[in-house]
Amino acid sequence: MNEYVLKSDDFLVSQTDEKGIILFANDDFCKIAGYTLEELVGKPHNIVRHPDMPHAAFKDLWETVKQDKIWNGYVKNSTKDGGYYWVYATVYPMYDKVRQAKTYISCRRKPSKSEIEEAKNLYKNLK
């Protein structure tokens, strides 16, 4: 599997509804994940979930944001062509006045090599 290493100015943004369905994805997210906007919108965000990611990480994410708290963490995602990429993600719960519903904004940037190694070591012990 090929790893895509984010550039320092890559900034991936997406918005989901309360069930994790993608409502919006920016150009960087589409480009790096290898999907068009049309392929992402309406799909579960876990379309990019990599099988190496422990379920406990996403359990913690959802428990945190459903309490209206901000979640931060390292995530290994899959690309459409079977590759992968690492991000440092910050997920913000928010109320979307247009949709009149709670939504979540995820902003992702390039993690350092040492941060990725730290995440890999932590995730080895999680299920």
C-alpha atoms as a PDB file:
ATOM      1  CA  MET A   1       0.000   0.000   0.000  1.00  0.00           C
ATOM      2  CA  ASN A   2       1.253   3.439  -0.893  1.00  0.00           C
ATOM      3  CA  GLU A   3       1.435   6.114   1.756  1.00  0.00           C
ATOM      4  CA  TYR A   4       0.464   9.634   0.821  1.00  0.00           C
ATOM      5  CA  VAL A   5       2.405  12.065   2.999  1.00  0.00           C
ATOM      6  CA  LEU A   6       0.544  15.316   3.434  1.00  0.00           C
ATOM      7  CA  LYS A   7       2.267  18.537   2.501  1.00  0.00           C
ATOM      8  CA  SER A   8       2.714  21.100   5.254  1.00  0.00           C
ATOM      9  CA  ASP A   9      -0.024  23.302   3.768  1.00  0.00           C
ATOM     10  CA  ASP A  10      -2.580  20.519   3.172  1.00  0.00           C
ATOM     11  CA  PHE A  11      -5.678  21.159   5.269  1.00  0.00           C
ATOM     12  CA  LEU A  12      -8.522  18.657   5.003  1.00  0.00           C
ATOM     13  CA  VAL A  13     -11.996  19.751   6.068  1.00  0.00           C
ATOM     14  CA  SER A  14     -15.274  17.873   6.153  1.00  0.00           C
ATOM     15  CA  GLN A  15     -18.673  18.289   7.761  1.00  0.00           C
ATOM     16  CA  THR A  16     -20.935  15.434   8.808  1.00  0.00           C
ATOM     17  CA  ASP A  17     -24.358  15.085  10.298  1.00  0.00           C
ATOM     18  CA  GLU A  18     -24.967  13.401  13.659  1.00  0.00           C
ATOM     19  CA  LYS A  19     -24.794   9.965  12.029  1.00  0.00           C
ATOM     20  CA  GLY A  20     -21.413  10.628  10.380  1.00  0.00           C
ATOM     21  CA  ILE A  21     -22.800  11.182   6.868  1.00  0.00           C
ATOM     22  CA  ILE A  22     -20.634  13.581   4.864  1.00  0.00           C
ATOM     23  CA  LEU A  23     -22.335  16.885   4.069  1.00  0.00           C
ATOM     24  CA  PHE A  24     -19.267  18.744   2.800  1.00  0.00           C
ATOM     25  CA  ALA A  25     -15.649  18.001   1.869  1.00  0.00           C
ATOM     26  CA  ASN A  26     -13.034  20.512   0.767  1.00  0.00           C
ATOM     27  CA  ASP A  27     -10.714  20.166  -2.223  1.00  0.00           C
ATOM     28  CA  ASP A  28      -7.734  18.926  -0.165  1.00  0.00           C
ATOM     29  CA  PHE A  29      -9.800  16.128   1.370  1.00  0.00           C
ATOM     30  CA  CYS A  30     -11.127  15.059  -2.026  1.00  0.00           C
ATOM     31  CA  LYS A  31      -7.678  15.192  -3.647  1.00  0.00           C
ATOM     32  CA  ILE A  32      -5.841  13.284  -0.925  1.00  0.00           C
ATOM     33  CA  ALA A  33      -8.542  10.648  -0.353  1.00  0.00           C
ATOM     34  CA  GLY A  34      -8.923  10.226  -4.128  1.00  0.00           C
ATOM     35  CA  TYR A  35     -12.673  10.828  -4.301  1.00  0.00           C
ATOM     36  CA  THR A  36     -14.742  13.460  -6.041  1.00  0.00           C
ATOM     37  CA  LEU A  37     -17.006  15.633  -3.930  1.00  0.00           C
ATOM     38  CA  GLU A  38     -19.995  13.827  -5.450  1.00  0.00           C
ATOM     39  CA  GLU A  39     -18.564  10.465  -4.349  1.00  0.00           C
ATOM     40  CA  LEU A  40     -18.156  11.662  -0.752  1.00  0.00           C
ATOM     41  CA  VAL A  41     -21.284  13.694  -0.037  1.00  0.00           C
ATOM     42  CA  GLY A  42     -24.037  11.458   1.318  1.00  0.00           C
ATOM     43  CA  LYS A  43     -21.633   8.662   2.281  1.00  0.00           C
ATOM     44  CA  PRO A  44     -20.572   7.690   5.809  1.00  0.00           C
ATOM     45  CA  HIS A  45     -17.281   9.342   6.796  1.00  0.00           C
ATOM     46  CA  ASN A  46     -15.940   5.879   7.521  1.00  0.00           C
ATOM     47  CA  ILE A  47     -15.578   5.483   3.738  1.00  0.00           C
ATOM     48  CA  VAL A  48     -11.989   6.574   4.453  1.00  0.00           C
ATOM     49  CA  ARG A  49     -11.517   4.551   7.659  1.00  0.00           C
ATOM     50  CA  HIS A  50      -8.408   2.415   7.530  1.00  0.00           C
ATOM     51  CA  PRO A  51      -8.709  -1.106   8.998  1.00  0.00           C
ATOM     52  CA  ASP A  52      -5.609  -0.474  11.161  1.00  0.00           C
ATOM     53  CA  MET A  53      -7.514   2.136  13.168  1.00  0.00           C
ATOM     54  CA  PRO A  54      -8.761   0.781  16.502  1.00  0.00           C
ATOM     55  CA  HIS A  55     -12.489   1.035  17.106  1.00  0.00           C
ATOM     56  CA  ALA A  56     -11.704   2.521  20.527  1.00  0.00           C
ATOM     57  CA  ALA A  57     -10.373   5.694  18.868  1.00  0.00           C
ATOM     58  CA  PHE A  58     -13.670   6.347  17.086  1.00  0.00           C
ATOM     59  CA  LYS A  59     -15.679   5.352  20.154  1.00  0.00           C
ATOM     60  CA  ASP A  60     -13.768   8.042  22.065  1.00  0.00           C
ATOM     61  CA  LEU A  61     -14.291  10.550  19.239  1.00  0.00           C
ATOM     62  CA  TRP A  62     -18.066  10.061  19.159  1.00  0.00           C
ATOM     63  CA  GLU A  63     -18.444  10.008  22.950  1.00  0.00           C
ATOM     64  CA  THR A  64     -16.506  13.291  23.134  1.00  0.00           C
ATOM     65  CA  VAL A  65     -18.281  15.238  20.389  1.00  0.00           C
ATOM     66  CA  LYS A  66     -21.743  14.064  21.444  1.00  0.00           C
ATOM     67  CA  GLN A  67     -21.014  15.813  24.764  1.00  0.00           C
ATOM     68  CA  ASP A  68     -20.362  19.040  22.788  1.00  0.00           C
ATOM     69  CA  LYS A  69     -16.636  18.781  23.424  1.00  0.00           C
ATOM     70  CA  ILE A  70     -13.814  19.081  20.885  1.00  0.00           C
ATOM     71  CA  TRP A  71     -11.898  15.887  20.031  1.00  0.00           C
ATOM     72  CA  ASN A  72      -8.276  15.743  18.857  1.00  0.00           C
ATOM     73  CA  GLY A  73      -6.361  12.729  17.674  1.00  0.00           C
ATOM     74  CA  TYR A  74      -4.240  11.005  15.068  1.00  0.00           C
ATOM     75  CA  VAL A  75      -6.022   9.061  12.370  1.00  0.00           C
ATOM     76  CA  LYS A  76      -4.836   6.729   9.637  1.00  0.00           C
ATOM     77  CA  ASN A  77      -7.223   6.974   6.689  1.00  0.00           C
ATOM     78  CA  SER A  78      -7.568   4.987   3.477  1.00  0.00           C
ATOM     79  CA  THR A  79      -7.487   6.388  -0.015  1.00  0.00           C
ATOM     80  CA  LYS A  80      -9.826   5.251  -2.770  1.00  0.00           C
ATOM     81  CA  ASP A  81      -6.958   3.462  -4.548  1.00  0.00           C
ATOM     82  CA  GLY A  82      -6.017   1.407  -1.465  1.00  0.00           C
ATOM     83  CA  GLY A  83      -3.296   3.665  -0.107  1.00  0.00           C
ATOM     84  CA  TYR A  84      -3.328   5.494   3.192  1.00  0.00           C
ATOM     85  CA  TYR A  85      -2.450   8.776   4.871  1.00  0.00           C
ATOM     86  CA  TRP A  86      -2.068  10.017   8.433  1.00  0.00           C
ATOM     87  CA  VAL A  87      -3.677  13.169   9.805  1.00  0.00           C
ATOM     88  CA  TYR A  88      -3.953  15.047  13.062  1.00  0.00           C
ATOM     89  CA  ALA A  89      -7.681  15.669  13.356  1.00  0.00           C
ATOM     90  CA  THR A  90      -9.691  18.144  15.383  1.00  0.00           C
ATOM     91  CA  VAL A  91     -13.447  17.540  15.405  1.00  0.00           C
ATOM     92  CA  TYR A  92     -15.765  20.347  16.460  1.00  0.00           C
ATOM     93  CA  PRO A  93     -19.433  19.847  17.329  1.00  0.00           C
ATOM     94  CA  MET A  94     -21.596  22.715  16.089  1.00  0.00           C
ATOM     95  CA  TYR A  95     -25.158  23.684  15.408  1.00  0.00           C
ATOM     96  CA  ASP A  96     -25.747  24.349  11.715  1.00  0.00           C
ATOM     97  CA  LYS A  97     -28.394  27.069  11.505  1.00  0.00           C
ATOM     98  CA  VAL A  98     -29.044  26.383   7.823  1.00  0.00           C
ATOM     99  CA  ARG A  99     -29.704  22.671   8.388  1.00  0.00           C
ATOM    100  CA  GLN A 100     -31.185  23.359  11.829  1.00  0.00           C
ATOM    101  CA  ALA A 101     -29.288  20.376  13.152  1.00  0.00           C
ATOM    102  CA  LYS A 102     -26.172  19.430  15.054  1.00  0.00           C
ATOM    103  CA  THR A 103     -23.220  18.734  12.774  1.00  0.00           C
ATOM    104  CA  TYR A 104     -19.517  18.062  13.152  1.00  0.00           C
ATOM    105  CA  ILE A 105     -16.621  19.800  11.431  1.00  0.00           C
ATOM    106  CA  SER A 106     -13.359  17.893  11.116  1.00  0.00           C
ATOM    107  CA  CYS A 107     -10.173  19.806  10.338  1.00  0.00           C
ATOM    108  CA  ARG A 108      -7.073  17.764   9.585  1.00  0.00           C
ATOM    109  CA  ARG A 109      -3.421  18.641   9.100  1.00  0.00           C
ATOM    110  CA  LYS A 110      -0.112  16.881   8.571  1.00  0.00           C
ATOM    111  CA  PRO A 111       1.264  15.189  11.698  1.00  0.00           C
ATOM    112  CA  SER A 112       5.005  14.940  12.289  1.00  0.00           C
ATOM    113  CA  LYS A 113       6.826  11.621  11.853  1.00  0.00           C
ATOM    114  CA  SER A 114       7.301  11.347  15.607  1.00  0.00           C
ATOM    115  CA  GLU A 115       3.582  11.978  16.212  1.00  0.00           C
ATOM    116  CA  ILE A 116       2.711   9.202  13.753  1.00  0.00           C
ATOM    117  CA  GLU A 117       5.103   6.793  15.482  1.00  0.00           C
ATOM    118  CA  GLU A 118       3.591   7.676  18.849  1.00  0.00           C
ATOM    119  CA  ALA A 119       0.076   7.046  17.495  1.00  0.00           C
ATOM    120  CA  LYS A 120       1.125   3.710  15.958  1.00  0.00           C
ATOM    121  CA  ASN A 121       2.535   2.576  19.301  1.00  0.00           C
ATOM    122  CA  LEU A 122      -0.575   3.670  21.187  1.00  0.00           C
ATOM    123  CA  TYR A 123      -2.933   2.025  18.688  1.00  0.00           C
ATOM    124  CA  LYS A 124      -1.117  -1.333  18.924  1.00  0.00           C
ATOM    125  CA  ASN A 125      -2.611  -1.690  22.405  1.00  0.00           C
ATOM    126  CA  LEU A 126      -6.150  -0.607  21.518  1.00  0.00           C
ATOM    127  CA  LYS A 127      -8.910  -2.640  19.919  1.00  0.00           C
END
